Amino acid sequence: MTSSTPFQVLGTMGLFLTGALVMRGAGCTINDLWDRNLDPHVERTKFRPIARRAVSPRKAVVFTGMQLLAGLGILLQFPTLCLWYGIPSLLLVTTYPLAKRITYYPQAVLGLTFSWGAMMGFPALGIDLLSNHSALESAAALYSSCVAWTVLYDMIYAHMDIKDDVAAGIKSIALRHEHNTKTVLSALAVVQVALLAAAGVSAGAGPVFFVGSCGSAVLSLGIMIWKVQLKNVQSCWWWFKNGCLLTGGGITLGMFFDYIARATGLDGKNTGSPQVITDVTSESNGELN
């Protein structure tokens, strides 16, 4: 899909990582502003700066503005086309805190928010999704895969607050499926990997991607779902934090080494302009509850 050099790909990944960290921070601040009257009733969140009134809402709004300006500065480092893809993500960031007040599936909104980088990654490397059908198919599959992944790991995360959420009137997928969580997690894992593989097929990925990215995702997700103890807060936190890194790291390495294999001809195909499945897994790893 693109003839970008390895250094261009690495540079883009670095910018995406930085942008993801900045915008995750902005999302967390916005979330804490919306939840400043709910967080004091939840054990895990009652000591957050806004909830305990160490930081006033006005100061938090100013800080959010600074974070958004920093995010804009990073966004402007990409091709102009990225600006039009990036703006809708701001609407999603502000929507999630409201979702958990009206639906048991706010994690789906969180997934749509955190996974938006899957759409932006393509124009970041000079690919216009509106004029490239195969790229659009790959981006849509990758985005949907990341959404399923976000819902999966945030469902584990939500189990840490399940008792307090009931008392505070906060809705979550963990509450809705408290008695069949692992079944839902398994279904989400299947959907995630299937869509990831579909993205690879659309992008013409090689065997390194399917073995490295898809294979490692199957392994890490399977172990996480098997091992996590949903009634144990420490277990949920450990697997939320480390499971994301293991799965995301495996997917990222598989994508990058598939690109290297095709760029150097190690996959047995002609070298020259290997297609790239854009790595945006850093966008999908975060905490916004």
Protein backbone atom coordinates (compact mmCIF):
# COMPACT_ATOMS: atom_id res chain seq x y z
CA MET A 1 0.00 0.00 0.00
CA THR A 2 2.96 2.28 0.43
CA SER A 3 6.63 2.38 -0.54
CA SER A 4 7.71 4.13 2.64
CA THR A 5 11.20 3.28 3.83
CA PRO A 6 11.79 1.48 7.13
CA PHE A 7 13.00 4.75 8.66
CA GLN A 8 9.83 6.52 7.55
CA VAL A 9 7.73 3.75 9.07
CA LEU A 10 9.70 3.89 12.34
CA GLY A 11 9.41 7.68 12.43
CA THR A 12 5.66 7.48 11.91
CA MET A 13 5.37 4.87 14.66
CA GLY A 14 7.30 7.17 17.01
CA LEU A 15 4.99 10.09 16.28
CA PHE A 16 1.95 7.88 16.76
CA LEU A 17 3.25 6.66 20.10
CA THR A 18 3.86 10.21 21.28
CA GLY A 19 0.49 11.37 20.00
CA ALA A 20 -1.26 8.42 21.62
CA LEU A 21 0.29 9.23 25.01
CA VAL A 22 -0.68 12.91 24.76
CA MET A 23 -4.24 12.27 23.60
CA ARG A 24 -4.71 9.48 26.13
CA GLY A 25 -3.79 12.02 28.79
CA ALA A 26 -6.28 14.51 27.37
CA GLY A 27 -8.96 11.83 27.32
CA CYS A 28 -8.26 10.94 30.94
CA THR A 29 -8.53 14.57 32.01
CA ILE A 30 -11.81 15.02 30.13
CA ASN A 31 -13.09 11.79 31.67
CA ASP A 32 -12.14 12.92 35.18
CA LEU A 33 -13.89 16.24 34.61
CA TRP A 34 -17.11 14.51 33.60
CA ASP A 35 -16.80 12.02 36.48
CA ARG A 36 -15.78 14.42 39.24
CA ASN A 37 -19.05 13.75 41.10
CA LEU A 38 -18.93 9.97 40.51
CA ASP A 39 -15.27 9.20 41.21
CA PRO A 40 -15.49 9.97 44.97
CA HIS A 41 -17.89 7.01 45.30
CA VAL A 42 -15.50 4.50 43.69
CA GLU A 43 -12.61 3.16 45.79
CA ARG A 44 -10.11 3.09 42.93
CA THR A 45 -10.84 6.62 41.70
CA LYS A 46 -11.75 8.58 44.83
CA PHE A 47 -8.21 9.93 45.25
CA ARG A 48 -7.87 11.29 41.72
CA PRO A 49 -6.87 14.98 41.79
CA ILE A 50 -10.19 16.41 40.60
CA ALA A 51 -12.28 13.97 42.64
CA ARG A 52 -10.51 14.89 45.88
CA ARG A 53 -10.57 18.58 44.87
CA ALA A 54 -6.82 18.96 44.76
CA VAL A 55 -7.30 20.40 41.26
CA SER A 56 -10.23 22.67 40.41
CA PRO A 57 -12.36 22.04 37.31
CA ARG A 58 -11.17 25.36 35.86
CA LYS A 59 -7.52 24.36 36.15
CA ALA A 60 -8.34 20.96 34.69
CA VAL A 61 -9.97 22.62 31.67
CA VAL A 62 -6.87 24.77 31.13
CA PHE A 63 -4.66 21.69 31.40
CA THR A 64 -6.87 19.85 28.90
CA GLY A 65 -6.47 22.75 26.48
CA MET A 66 -2.69 22.48 26.79
CA GLN A 67 -2.84 18.74 26.15
CA LEU A 68 -5.03 19.22 23.08
CA LEU A 69 -2.67 21.88 21.73
CA ALA A 70 0.23 19.48 22.18
CA GLY A 71 -1.76 16.83 20.35
CA LEU A 72 -2.48 19.27 17.53
CA GLY A 73 1.22 20.07 17.29
CA ILE A 74 1.99 16.39 16.80
CA LEU A 75 -0.87 15.98 14.32
CA LEU A 76 0.53 18.82 12.20
CA GLN A 77 3.74 16.81 11.73
CA PHE A 78 1.76 14.42 9.54
CA PRO A 79 0.47 15.07 6.00
CA THR A 80 -2.37 17.61 5.87
CA LEU A 81 -4.81 14.82 5.01
CA CYS A 82 -4.36 13.46 8.55
CA LEU A 83 -5.89 16.61 10.02
CA TRP A 84 -9.28 15.76 8.53
CA TYR A 85 -9.06 12.21 9.85
CA GLY A 86 -7.99 13.38 13.31
CA ILE A 87 -10.76 15.87 14.07
CA PRO A 88 -13.56 13.24 14.49
CA SER A 89 -11.56 11.56 17.25
CA LEU A 90 -12.12 14.60 19.49
CA LEU A 91 -15.86 14.03 19.34
CA LEU A 92 -15.36 10.41 20.40
CA VAL A 93 -13.10 11.39 23.31
CA THR A 94 -15.81 13.62 24.78
CA THR A 95 -18.56 11.03 24.21
CA TYR A 96 -17.21 8.11 26.27
CA PRO A 97 -17.78 9.61 29.76
CA LEU A 98 -21.43 10.14 28.85
CA ALA A 99 -21.85 6.62 27.48
CA LYS A 100 -21.32 4.91 30.83
CA ARG A 101 -24.27 6.84 32.20
CA ILE A 102 -26.75 5.57 29.61
CA THR A 103 -25.57 2.16 28.33
CA TYR A 104 -24.01 -1.03 29.65
CA TYR A 105 -21.62 -0.98 26.69
CA PRO A 106 -19.52 2.17 27.14
CA GLN A 107 -16.48 0.02 26.34
CA ALA A 108 -17.69 -0.05 22.73
CA VAL A 109 -17.50 3.75 22.63
CA LEU A 110 -14.07 3.57 24.26
CA GLY A 111 -13.00 1.12 21.55
CA LEU A 112 -14.19 3.44 18.79
CA THR A 113 -12.19 6.23 20.46
CA PHE A 114 -8.91 4.50 21.23
CA SER A 115 -8.78 2.64 17.91
CA TRP A 116 -9.11 5.70 15.70
CA GLY A 117 -5.39 5.63 15.00
CA ALA A 118 -6.02 2.60 12.78
CA MET A 119 -7.77 4.94 10.36
CA MET A 120 -5.20 7.74 10.68
CA GLY A 121 -2.20 5.49 10.16
CA PHE A 122 -2.85 5.11 6.46
CA PRO A 123 -3.01 8.81 5.51
CA ALA A 124 -0.01 9.33 7.81
CA LEU A 125 1.96 7.27 5.27
CA GLY A 126 0.44 9.07 2.30
CA ILE A 127 -2.48 6.74 1.57
CA ASP A 128 -5.87 8.33 0.88
CA LEU A 129 -8.45 5.82 2.08
CA LEU A 130 -11.22 7.40 0.00
CA SER A 131 -9.38 6.70 -3.25
CA ASN A 132 -7.82 3.33 -2.38
CA HIS A 133 -10.38 0.55 -1.96
CA SER A 134 -8.01 -2.15 -0.70
CA ALA A 135 -6.50 0.27 1.82
CA LEU A 136 -9.97 1.20 3.03
CA GLU A 137 -10.86 -2.47 3.47
CA SER A 138 -7.66 -3.10 5.42
CA ALA A 139 -8.12 0.02 7.56
CA ALA A 140 -11.73 -0.86 8.37
CA ALA A 141 -10.77 -4.41 9.37
CA LEU A 142 -7.82 -3.21 11.47
CA TYR A 143 -9.96 -0.55 13.14
CA SER A 144 -12.70 -3.05 13.96
CA SER A 145 -10.11 -5.50 15.30
CA CYS A 146 -8.73 -2.83 17.62
CA VAL A 147 -12.25 -1.97 18.79
CA ALA A 148 -12.85 -5.61 19.76
CA TRP A 149 -9.46 -5.67 21.51
CA THR A 150 -10.25 -2.53 23.51
CA VAL A 151 -13.63 -3.87 24.62
CA LEU A 152 -11.92 -7.12 25.65
CA TYR A 153 -9.23 -5.67 27.88
CA ASP A 154 -11.45 -2.92 29.28
CA MET A 155 -14.03 -5.54 30.24
CA ILE A 156 -11.34 -7.06 32.45
CA TYR A 157 -10.49 -3.60 33.77
CA ALA A 158 -14.17 -2.91 34.58
CA HIS A 159 -14.29 -5.95 36.86
CA MET A 160 -12.07 -4.09 39.34
CA ASP A 161 -14.87 -1.59 40.04
CA ILE A 162 -17.90 -3.81 39.63
CA LYS A 163 -19.17 -3.43 43.22
CA ASP A 164 -18.58 0.32 43.42
CA ASP A 165 -20.13 0.86 39.98
CA VAL A 166 -23.41 -0.62 41.18
CA ALA A 167 -23.50 1.77 44.13
CA ALA A 168 -22.50 4.77 42.01
CA GLY A 169 -24.94 3.99 39.21
CA ILE A 170 -22.20 3.52 36.61
CA LYS A 171 -22.89 1.07 33.80
CA SER A 172 -20.36 -1.28 32.21
CA ILE A 173 -20.16 -4.42 30.10
CA ALA A 174 -18.75 -6.23 33.14
CA LEU A 175 -22.01 -5.62 35.01
CA ARG A 176 -24.14 -6.66 32.05
CA HIS A 177 -22.23 -9.94 31.54
CA GLU A 178 -20.96 -10.57 35.07
CA HIS A 179 -21.88 -14.26 34.98
CA ASN A 180 -20.58 -15.11 31.49
CA THR A 181 -17.62 -12.77 31.18
CA LYS A 182 -15.09 -15.34 29.97
CA THR A 183 -17.45 -16.48 27.23
CA VAL A 184 -17.78 -12.89 26.03
CA LEU A 185 -14.02 -12.38 26.30
CA SER A 186 -13.40 -15.49 24.20
CA ALA A 187 -15.85 -14.32 21.55
CA LEU A 188 -14.19 -10.91 21.43
CA ALA A 189 -10.78 -12.55 21.05
CA VAL A 190 -12.01 -14.61 18.09
CA VAL A 191 -13.47 -11.51 16.45
CA GLN A 192 -10.30 -9.52 17.08
CA VAL A 193 -7.96 -12.07 15.53
CA ALA A 194 -10.30 -12.80 12.60
CA LEU A 195 -10.50 -9.11 11.73
CA LEU A 196 -6.75 -8.71 12.17
CA ALA A 197 -6.23 -11.55 9.70
CA ALA A 198 -8.74 -9.94 7.33
CA ALA A 199 -6.73 -6.72 7.47
CA GLY A 200 -3.65 -8.70 6.52
CA VAL A 201 -5.38 -10.37 3.59
CA SER A 202 -6.61 -7.00 2.26
CA ALA A 203 -3.12 -5.53 2.59
CA GLY A 204 -1.43 -8.52 0.95
CA ALA A 205 0.54 -9.34 4.09
CA GLY A 206 3.02 -12.19 4.12
CA PRO A 207 3.38 -15.23 6.37
CA VAL A 208 5.43 -13.33 8.96
CA PHE A 209 2.39 -11.19 9.73
CA PHE A 210 0.00 -14.10 10.07
CA VAL A 211 2.39 -16.11 12.24
CA GLY A 212 3.83 -13.19 14.19
CA SER A 213 0.91 -10.82 14.64
CA CYS A 214 -2.09 -13.14 14.45
CA GLY A 215 -0.34 -16.10 16.09
CA SER A 216 1.00 -14.08 19.01
CA ALA A 217 -2.43 -12.49 19.49
CA VAL A 218 -4.08 -15.91 19.72
CA LEU A 219 -1.48 -17.05 22.25
CA SER A 220 -1.45 -13.95 24.47
CA LEU A 221 -5.22 -13.48 24.46
CA GLY A 222 -5.83 -17.15 25.18
CA ILE A 223 -3.45 -17.15 28.14
CA MET A 224 -4.90 -13.89 29.50
CA ILE A 225 -8.50 -15.10 29.35
CA TRP A 226 -7.53 -18.43 30.92
CA LYS A 227 -5.40 -16.97 33.71
CA VAL A 228 -7.22 -13.80 34.79
CA GLN A 229 -9.18 -14.10 38.03
CA LEU A 230 -12.10 -11.76 37.52
CA LYS A 231 -13.01 -11.53 41.21
CA ASN A 232 -9.44 -10.58 42.14
CA VAL A 233 -8.66 -6.88 41.68
CA GLN A 234 -4.90 -7.43 41.58
CA SER A 235 -5.24 -10.14 38.93
CA CYS A 236 -7.50 -7.97 36.77
CA TRP A 237 -5.07 -5.06 37.00
CA TRP A 238 -2.04 -7.21 36.20
CA TRP A 239 -3.61 -8.74 33.11
CA PHE A 240 -5.10 -5.44 31.98
CA LYS A 241 -1.68 -3.76 32.12
CA ASN A 242 0.59 -6.57 30.98
CA GLY A 243 -1.87 -8.33 28.68
CA CYS A 244 -2.17 -5.17 26.61
CA LEU A 245 1.59 -4.91 26.28
CA LEU A 246 2.02 -8.56 25.35
CA THR A 247 -0.73 -8.57 22.74
CA GLY A 248 0.08 -5.15 21.32
CA GLY A 249 3.81 -5.87 21.28
CA GLY A 250 3.32 -9.12 19.40
CA ILE A 251 1.04 -7.53 16.82
CA THR A 252 3.42 -4.60 16.32
CA LEU A 253 6.51 -6.77 15.89
CA GLY A 254 4.69 -9.07 13.50
CA MET A 255 3.65 -6.12 11.33
CA PHE A 256 7.11 -4.58 11.29
CA PHE A 257 9.03 -7.76 10.58
CA ASP A 258 6.56 -8.68 7.85
CA TYR A 259 7.37 -5.34 6.25
CA ILE A 260 11.11 -5.97 6.61
CA ALA A 261 10.77 -9.49 5.17
CA ARG A 262 9.01 -8.21 2.09
CA ALA A 263 11.27 -5.18 1.68
CA THR A 264 14.36 -7.40 1.68
CA GLY A 265 12.85 -10.29 -0.27
CA LEU A 266 13.15 -12.73 2.62
CA ASP A 267 9.55 -13.78 2.02
CA GLY A 268 10.46 -15.08 -1.43
CA LYS A 269 8.63 -12.32 -3.28
CA ASN A 270 9.99 -9.45 -5.33
CA THR A 271 11.48 -6.58 -3.35
CA GLY A 272 10.72 -2.95 -4.03
CA SER A 273 7.50 -1.52 -2.67
CA PRO A 274 6.05 -3.78 -0.01
CA GLN A 275 2.60 -3.00 1.23
CA VAL A 276 2.44 -1.89 4.83
CA ILE A 277 -0.26 -2.65 7.34
CA THR A 278 -0.06 0.49 9.40
CA ASP A 279 0.88 -0.11 13.02
CA VAL A 280 -1.36 1.79 15.38
CA THR A 281 -1.57 -0.58 18.31
CA SER A 282 -0.26 2.14 20.62
CA GLU A 283 -3.58 3.93 20.13
CA SER A 284 -5.48 1.03 21.61
CA ASN A 285 -3.74 0.68 24.85
CA GLY A 286 -4.98 2.94 27.60
CA GLU A 287 -7.08 3.64 30.62
CA LEU A 288 -9.94 6.09 30.47
CA ASN A 289 -12.26 4.91 33.24
